[in-house]
Amino acid sequence: MIQPLVFGLGGWEILIIALVILLIFGGAKIPELMKGLGKGIRNFKEGIKEGDEEGKSGENRQITDKKNEDK
């Protein structure tokens, strides 16, 4: 039995979806769409990274504050 590739879709379903997208947007628009998608993903990753860094620095401040309160 062949395993589904993405979201339960097999190879033929993905091919049909890609062809429909090509017909709807045309060949010229697809690079623009992919460029926008790439920028969106990059911004999302940067936001997550910044959130993680802020969270870690916030935890460090809390630990330092607790140590200062104990003195």
PDB file of N, CA and C in Angstrom:
ATOM      1  N   MET A   1       0.854  -1.188   0.000  1.00  0.00           N
ATOM      2  CA  MET A   1       0.000   0.000   0.000  1.00  0.00           C
ATOM      3  C   MET A   1       0.892   1.242   0.000  1.00  0.00           C
ATOM      4  N   ILE A   2       0.561   2.229  -0.828  1.00  0.00           N
ATOM      5  CA  ILE A   2       1.337   3.457  -0.946  1.00  0.00           C
ATOM      6  C   ILE A   2       0.886   4.450   0.133  1.00  0.00           C
ATOM      7  N   GLN A   3       1.850   5.018   0.839  1.00  0.00           N
ATOM      8  CA  GLN A   3       1.557   5.984   1.894  1.00  0.00           C
ATOM      9  C   GLN A   3       1.242   7.353   1.289  1.00  0.00           C
ATOM     10  N   PRO A   4       0.298   8.096   1.853  1.00  0.00           N
ATOM     11  CA  PRO A   4       0.024   9.456   1.377  1.00  0.00           C
ATOM     12  C   PRO A   4       1.229  10.358   1.618  1.00  0.00           C
ATOM     13  N   LEU A   5       1.452  11.307   0.717  1.00  0.00           N
ATOM     14  CA  LEU A   5       2.617  12.178   0.812  1.00  0.00           C
ATOM     15  C   LEU A   5       2.396  13.330   1.783  1.00  0.00           C
ATOM     16  N   VAL A   6       1.365  14.121   1.551  1.00  0.00           N
ATOM     17  CA  VAL A   6       1.137  15.326   2.344  1.00  0.00           C
ATOM     18  C   VAL A   6      -0.346  15.434   2.669  1.00  0.00           C
ATOM     19  N   PHE A   7      -0.680  15.607   3.925  1.00  0.00           N
ATOM     20  CA  PHE A   7      -2.063  15.814   4.367  1.00  0.00           C
ATOM     21  C   PHE A   7      -3.015  14.747   3.818  1.00  0.00           C
ATOM     22  N   GLY A   8      -2.539  13.548   3.701  1.00  0.00           N
ATOM     23  CA  GLY A   8      -3.384  12.469   3.215  1.00  0.00           C
ATOM     24  C   GLY A   8      -3.578  12.479   1.707  1.00  0.00           C
ATOM     25  N   LEU A   9      -2.802  13.284   0.985  1.00  0.00           N
ATOM     26  CA  LEU A   9      -2.911  13.353  -0.467  1.00  0.00           C
ATOM     27  C   LEU A   9      -1.814  12.528  -1.107  1.00  0.00           C
ATOM     28  N   GLY A  10      -2.162  11.828  -2.152  1.00  0.00           N
ATOM     29  CA  GLY A  10      -1.178  11.054  -2.893  1.00  0.00           C
ATOM     30  C   GLY A  10      -0.568  11.889  -4.003  1.00  0.00           C
ATOM     31  N   GLY A  11       0.272  11.268  -4.785  1.00  0.00           N
ATOM     32  CA  GLY A  11       0.976  11.962  -5.860  1.00  0.00           C
ATOM     33  C   GLY A  11       0.048  12.536  -6.921  1.00  0.00           C
ATOM     34  N   TRP A  12      -0.981  11.765  -7.314  1.00  0.00           N
ATOM     35  CA  TRP A  12      -1.890  12.246  -8.348  1.00  0.00           C
ATOM     36  C   TRP A  12      -2.699  13.441  -7.874  1.00  0.00           C
ATOM     37  N   GLU A  13      -3.149  13.409  -6.633  1.00  0.00           N
ATOM     38  CA  GLU A  13      -3.934  14.527  -6.119  1.00  0.00           C
ATOM     39  C   GLU A  13      -3.107  15.814  -6.075  1.00  0.00           C
ATOM     40  N   ILE A  14      -1.850  15.693  -5.645  1.00  0.00           N
ATOM     41  CA  ILE A  14      -0.968  16.860  -5.591  1.00  0.00           C
ATOM     42  C   ILE A  14      -0.719  17.394  -6.998  1.00  0.00           C
ATOM     43  N   LEU A  15      -0.539  16.502  -7.963  1.00  0.00           N
ATOM     44  CA  LEU A  15      -0.323  16.913  -9.351  1.00  0.00           C
ATOM     45  C   LEU A  15      -1.542  17.657  -9.897  1.00  0.00           C
ATOM     46  N   ILE A  16      -2.726  17.152  -9.633  1.00  0.00           N
ATOM     47  CA  ILE A  16      -3.955  17.811 -10.103  1.00  0.00           C
ATOM     48  C   ILE A  16      -4.106  19.180  -9.457  1.00  0.00           C
ATOM     49  N   ILE A  17      -3.840  19.284  -8.158  1.00  0.00           N
ATOM     50  CA  ILE A  17      -3.932  20.577  -7.468  1.00  0.00           C
ATOM     51  C   ILE A  17      -2.934  21.563  -8.059  1.00  0.00           C
ATOM     52  N   ALA A  18      -1.711  21.109  -8.331  1.00  0.00           N
ATOM     53  CA  ALA A  18      -0.695  21.989  -8.925  1.00  0.00           C
ATOM     54  C   ALA A  18      -1.126  22.476 -10.302  1.00  0.00           C
ATOM     55  N   LEU A  19      -1.720  21.600 -11.106  1.00  0.00           N
ATOM     56  CA  LEU A  19      -2.191  22.001 -12.429  1.00  0.00           C
ATOM     57  C   LEU A  19      -3.329  23.013 -12.344  1.00  0.00           C
ATOM     58  N   VAL A  20      -4.235  22.827 -11.394  1.00  0.00           N
ATOM     59  CA  VAL A  20      -5.339  23.774 -11.214  1.00  0.00           C
ATOM     60  C   VAL A  20      -4.795  25.141 -10.801  1.00  0.00           C
ATOM     61  N   ILE A  21      -3.834  25.159  -9.894  1.00  0.00           N
ATOM     62  CA  ILE A  21      -3.214  26.425  -9.477  1.00  0.00           C
ATOM     63  C   ILE A  21      -2.537  27.093 -10.659  1.00  0.00           C
ATOM     64  N   LEU A  22      -1.846  26.317 -11.477  1.00  0.00           N
ATOM     65  CA  LEU A  22      -1.190  26.849 -12.670  1.00  0.00           C
ATOM     66  C   LEU A  22      -2.211  27.460 -13.622  1.00  0.00           C
ATOM     67  N   LEU A  23      -3.340  26.797 -13.808  1.00  0.00           N
ATOM     68  CA  LEU A  23      -4.377  27.319 -14.695  1.00  0.00           C
ATOM     69  C   LEU A  23      -5.017  28.590 -14.144  1.00  0.00           C
ATOM     70  N   ILE A  24      -5.223  28.642 -12.837  1.00  0.00           N
ATOM     71  CA  ILE A  24      -5.879  29.797 -12.232  1.00  0.00           C
ATOM     72  C   ILE A  24      -4.965  31.020 -12.246  1.00  0.00           C
ATOM     73  N   PHE A  25      -3.732  30.864 -11.799  1.00  0.00           N
ATOM     74  CA  PHE A  25      -2.847  32.019 -11.641  1.00  0.00           C
ATOM     75  C   PHE A  25      -1.956  32.267 -12.850  1.00  0.00           C
ATOM     76  N   GLY A  26      -1.734  31.285 -13.655  1.00  0.00           N
ATOM     77  CA  GLY A  26      -0.850  31.441 -14.798  1.00  0.00           C
ATOM     78  C   GLY A  26       0.604  31.284 -14.390  1.00  0.00           C
ATOM     79  N   GLY A  27       1.439  31.020 -15.369  1.00  0.00           N
ATOM     80  CA  GLY A  27       2.850  30.761 -15.100  1.00  0.00           C
ATOM     81  C   GLY A  27       3.598  31.965 -14.567  1.00  0.00           C
ATOM     82  N   ALA A  28       3.188  33.175 -14.945  1.00  0.00           N
ATOM     83  CA  ALA A  28       3.917  34.379 -14.542  1.00  0.00           C
ATOM     84  C   ALA A  28       3.688  34.725 -13.069  1.00  0.00           C
ATOM     85  N   LYS A  29       2.538  34.419 -12.541  1.00  0.00           N
ATOM     86  CA  LYS A  29       2.202  34.801 -11.164  1.00  0.00           C
ATOM     87  C   LYS A  29       2.764  33.842 -10.119  1.00  0.00           C
ATOM     88  N   ILE A  30       3.039  32.613 -10.479  1.00  0.00           N
ATOM     89  CA  ILE A  30       3.468  31.617  -9.498  1.00  0.00           C
ATOM     90  C   ILE A  30       4.782  31.995  -8.813  1.00  0.00           C
ATOM     91  N   PRO A  31       5.817  32.478  -9.536  1.00  0.00           N
ATOM     92  CA  PRO A  31       7.028  32.892  -8.814  1.00  0.00           C
ATOM     93  C   PRO A  31       6.763  34.009  -7.801  1.00  0.00           C
ATOM     94  N   GLU A  32       5.872  34.936  -8.158  1.00  0.00           N
ATOM     95  CA  GLU A  32       5.499  36.009  -7.212  1.00  0.00           C
ATOM     96  C   GLU A  32       4.840  35.427  -5.971  1.00  0.00           C
ATOM     97  N   LEU A  33       3.935  34.492  -6.167  1.00  0.00           N
ATOM     98  CA  LEU A  33       3.243  33.871  -5.039  1.00  0.00           C
ATOM     99  C   LEU A  33       4.222  33.129  -4.137  1.00  0.00           C
ATOM    100  N   MET A  34       5.150  32.397  -4.730  1.00  0.00           N
ATOM    101  CA  MET A  34       6.128  31.641  -3.940  1.00  0.00           C
ATOM    102  C   MET A  34       7.072  32.586  -3.197  1.00  0.00           C
ATOM    103  N   LYS A  35       7.430  33.695  -3.831  1.00  0.00           N
ATOM    104  CA  LYS A  35       8.288  34.684  -3.176  1.00  0.00           C
ATOM    105  C   LYS A  35       7.580  35.271  -1.954  1.00  0.00           C
ATOM    106  N   GLY A  36       6.314  35.605  -2.105  1.00  0.00           N
ATOM    107  CA  GLY A  36       5.536  36.120  -0.980  1.00  0.00           C
ATOM    108  C   GLY A  36       5.384  35.090   0.124  1.00  0.00           C
ATOM    109  N   LEU A  37       5.166  33.846  -0.257  1.00  0.00           N
ATOM    110  CA  LEU A  37       5.044  32.772   0.729  1.00  0.00           C
ATOM    111  C   LEU A  37       6.354  32.589   1.490  1.00  0.00           C
ATOM    112  N   GLY A  38       7.476  32.648   0.760  1.00  0.00           N
ATOM    113  CA  GLY A  38       8.786  32.522   1.403  1.00  0.00           C
ATOM    114  C   GLY A  38       9.047  33.643   2.385  1.00  0.00           C
ATOM    115  N   LYS A  39       8.692  34.868   2.013  1.00  0.00           N
ATOM    116  CA  LYS A  39       8.869  36.012   2.926  1.00  0.00           C
ATOM    117  C   LYS A  39       8.006  35.849   4.170  1.00  0.00           C
ATOM    118  N   GLY A  40       6.784  35.377   3.981  1.00  0.00           N
ATOM    119  CA  GLY A  40       5.895  35.168   5.123  1.00  0.00           C
ATOM    120  C   GLY A  40       6.435  34.129   6.080  1.00  0.00           C
ATOM    121  N   ILE A  41       6.942  33.035   5.549  1.00  0.00           N
ATOM    122  CA  ILE A  41       7.511  31.979   6.394  1.00  0.00           C
ATOM    123  C   ILE A  41       8.747  32.498   7.121  1.00  0.00           C
ATOM    124  N   ARG A  42       9.584  33.263   6.411  1.00  0.00           N
ATOM    125  CA  ARG A  42      10.803  33.820   7.023  1.00  0.00           C
ATOM    126  C   ARG A  42      10.436  34.759   8.173  1.00  0.00           C
ATOM    127  N   ASN A  43       9.451  35.628   7.952  1.00  0.00           N
ATOM    128  CA  ASN A  43       9.018  36.543   9.013  1.00  0.00           C
ATOM    129  C   ASN A  43       8.454  35.780  10.206  1.00  0.00           C
ATOM    130  N   PHE A  44       7.716  34.728   9.932  1.00  0.00           N
ATOM    131  CA  PHE A  44       7.145  33.916  11.005  1.00  0.00           C
ATOM    132  C   PHE A  44       8.252  33.284  11.848  1.00  0.00           C
ATOM    133  N   LYS A  45       9.268  32.717  11.180  1.00  0.00           N
ATOM    134  CA  LYS A  45      10.386  32.104  11.901  1.00  0.00           C
ATOM    135  C   LYS A  45      11.143  33.142  12.724  1.00  0.00           C
ATOM    136  N   GLU A  46      11.361  34.342  12.155  1.00  0.00           N
ATOM    137  CA  GLU A  46      12.053  35.397  12.906  1.00  0.00           C
ATOM    138  C   GLU A  46      11.248  35.809  14.128  1.00  0.00           C
ATOM    139  N   GLY A  47       9.935  35.897  13.984  1.00  0.00           N
ATOM    140  CA  GLY A  47       9.083  36.248  15.113  1.00  0.00           C
ATOM    141  C   GLY A  47       9.146  35.218  16.220  1.00  0.00           C
ATOM    142  N   ILE A  48       9.148  33.951  15.844  1.00  0.00           N
ATOM    143  CA  ILE A  48       9.248  32.890  16.843  1.00  0.00           C
ATOM    144  C   ILE A  48      10.595  32.962  17.547  1.00  0.00           C
ATOM    145  N   LYS A  49      11.656  33.190  16.770  1.00  0.00           N
ATOM    146  CA  LYS A  49      13.003  33.267  17.341  1.00  0.00           C
ATOM    147  C   LYS A  49      13.096  34.434  18.324  1.00  0.00           C
ATOM    148  N   GLU A  50      12.538  35.597  17.948  1.00  0.00           N
ATOM    149  CA  GLU A  50      12.561  36.767  18.829  1.00  0.00           C
ATOM    150  C   GLU A  50      11.755  36.499  20.088  1.00  0.00           C
ATOM    151  N   GLY A  51      10.622  35.826  19.938  1.00  0.00           N
ATOM    152  CA  GLY A  51       9.802  35.490  21.099  1.00  0.00           C
ATOM    153  C   GLY A  51      10.532  34.569  22.054  1.00  0.00           C
ATOM    154  N   ASP A  52      11.254  33.601  21.498  1.00  0.00           N
ATOM    155  CA  ASP A  52      12.031  32.683  22.340  1.00  0.00           C
ATOM    156  C   ASP A  52      13.125  33.436  23.078  1.00  0.00           C
ATOM    157  N   GLU A  53      13.808  34.356  22.391  1.00  0.00           N
ATOM    158  CA  GLU A  53      14.887  35.120  23.022  1.00  0.00           C
ATOM    159  C   GLU A  53      14.336  36.024  24.125  1.00  0.00           C
ATOM    160  N   GLU A  54      13.177  36.657  23.869  1.00  0.00           N
ATOM    161  CA  GLU A  54      12.572  37.506  24.886  1.00  0.00           C
ATOM    162  C   GLU A  54      12.127  36.676  26.081  1.00  0.00           C
ATOM    163  N   GLY A  55      11.595  35.495  25.805  1.00  0.00           N
ATOM    164  CA  GLY A  55      11.167  34.614  26.897  1.00  0.00           C
ATOM    165  C   GLY A  55      12.330  34.180  27.760  1.00  0.00           C
ATOM    166  N   LYS A  56      13.439  33.858  27.145  1.00  0.00           N
ATOM    167  CA  LYS A  56      14.619  33.434  27.900  1.00  0.00           C
ATOM    168  C   LYS A  56      15.182  34.580  28.716  1.00  0.00           C
ATOM    169  N   SER A  57      15.227  35.785  28.129  1.00  0.00           N
ATOM    170  CA  SER A  57      15.766  36.918  28.873  1.00  0.00           C
ATOM    171  C   SER A  57      14.826  37.294  30.021  1.00  0.00           C
ATOM    172  N   GLY A  58      13.531  37.112  29.813  1.00  0.00           N
ATOM    173  CA  GLY A  58      12.572  37.377  30.881  1.00  0.00           C
ATOM    174  C   GLY A  58      12.739  36.404  32.028  1.00  0.00           C
ATOM    175  N   GLU A  59      13.004  35.150  31.715  1.00  0.00           N
ATOM    176  CA  GLU A  59      13.231  34.148  32.751  1.00  0.00           C
ATOM    177  C   GLU A  59      14.491  34.475  33.530  1.00  0.00           C
ATOM    178  N   ASN A  60      15.533  34.923  32.828  1.00  0.00           N
ATOM    179  CA  ASN A  60      16.783  35.275  33.502  1.00  0.00           C
ATOM    180  C   ASN A  60      16.573  36.452  34.444  1.00  0.00           C
ATOM    181  N   ARG A  61      15.777  37.433  34.019  1.00  0.00           N
ATOM    182  CA  ARG A  61      15.499  38.581  34.879  1.00  0.00           C
ATOM    183  C   ARG A  61      14.753  38.147  36.131  1.00  0.00           C
ATOM    184  N   GLN A  62      13.807  37.229  35.982  1.00  0.00           N
ATOM    185  CA  GLN A  62      13.043  36.762  37.134  1.00  0.00           C
ATOM    186  C   GLN A  62      13.948  36.030  38.111  1.00  0.00           C
ATOM    187  N   ILE A  63      14.846  35.217  37.615  1.00  0.00           N
ATOM    188  CA  ILE A  63      15.767  34.489  38.489  1.00  0.00           C
ATOM    189  C   ILE A  63      16.673  35.466  39.220  1.00  0.00           C
ATOM    190  N   THR A  64      17.197  36.472  38.498  1.00  0.00           N
ATOM    191  CA  THR A  64      18.068  37.469  39.102  1.00  0.00           C
ATOM    192  C   THR A  64      17.314  38.265  40.165  1.00  0.00           C
ATOM    193  N   ASP A  65      16.054  38.633  39.861  1.00  0.00           N
ATOM    194  CA  ASP A  65      15.241  39.380  40.822  1.00  0.00           C
ATOM    195  C   ASP A  65      15.009  38.565  42.091  1.00  0.00           C
ATOM    196  N   LYS A  66      14.753  37.275  41.951  1.00  0.00           N
ATOM    197  CA  LYS A  66      14.526  36.422  43.121  1.00  0.00           C
ATOM    198  C   LYS A  66      15.781  36.299  43.951  1.00  0.00           C
ATOM    199  N   LYS A  67      16.939  36.217  43.315  1.00  0.00           N
ATOM    200  CA  LYS A  67      18.204  36.132  44.039  1.00  0.00           C
ATOM    201  C   LYS A  67      18.448  37.416  44.815  1.00  0.00           C
ATOM    202  N   ASN A  68      18.113  38.558  44.219  1.00  0.00           N
ATOM    203  CA  ASN A  68      18.307  39.849  44.890  1.00  0.00           C
ATOM    204  C   ASN A  68      17.342  40.014  46.058  1.00  0.00           C
ATOM    205  N   GLU A  69      16.128  39.437  45.944  1.00  0.00           N
ATOM    206  CA  GLU A  69      15.167  39.527  47.040  1.00  0.00           C
ATOM    207  C   GLU A  69      15.626  38.699  48.235  1.00  0.00           C
ATOM    208  N   ASP A  70      16.315  37.603  47.975  1.00  0.00           N
ATOM    209  CA  ASP A  70      16.767  36.727  49.055  1.00  0.00           C
ATOM    210  C   ASP A  70      17.864  37.384  49.900  1.00  0.00           C
ATOM    211  N   LYS A  71      18.598  38.326  49.342  1.00  0.00           N
ATOM    212  CA  LYS A  71      19.715  38.938  50.051  1.00  0.00           C
ATOM    213  C   LYS A  71      19.281  39.899  51.082  1.00  0.00           C
TER     214      LYS A  71
END
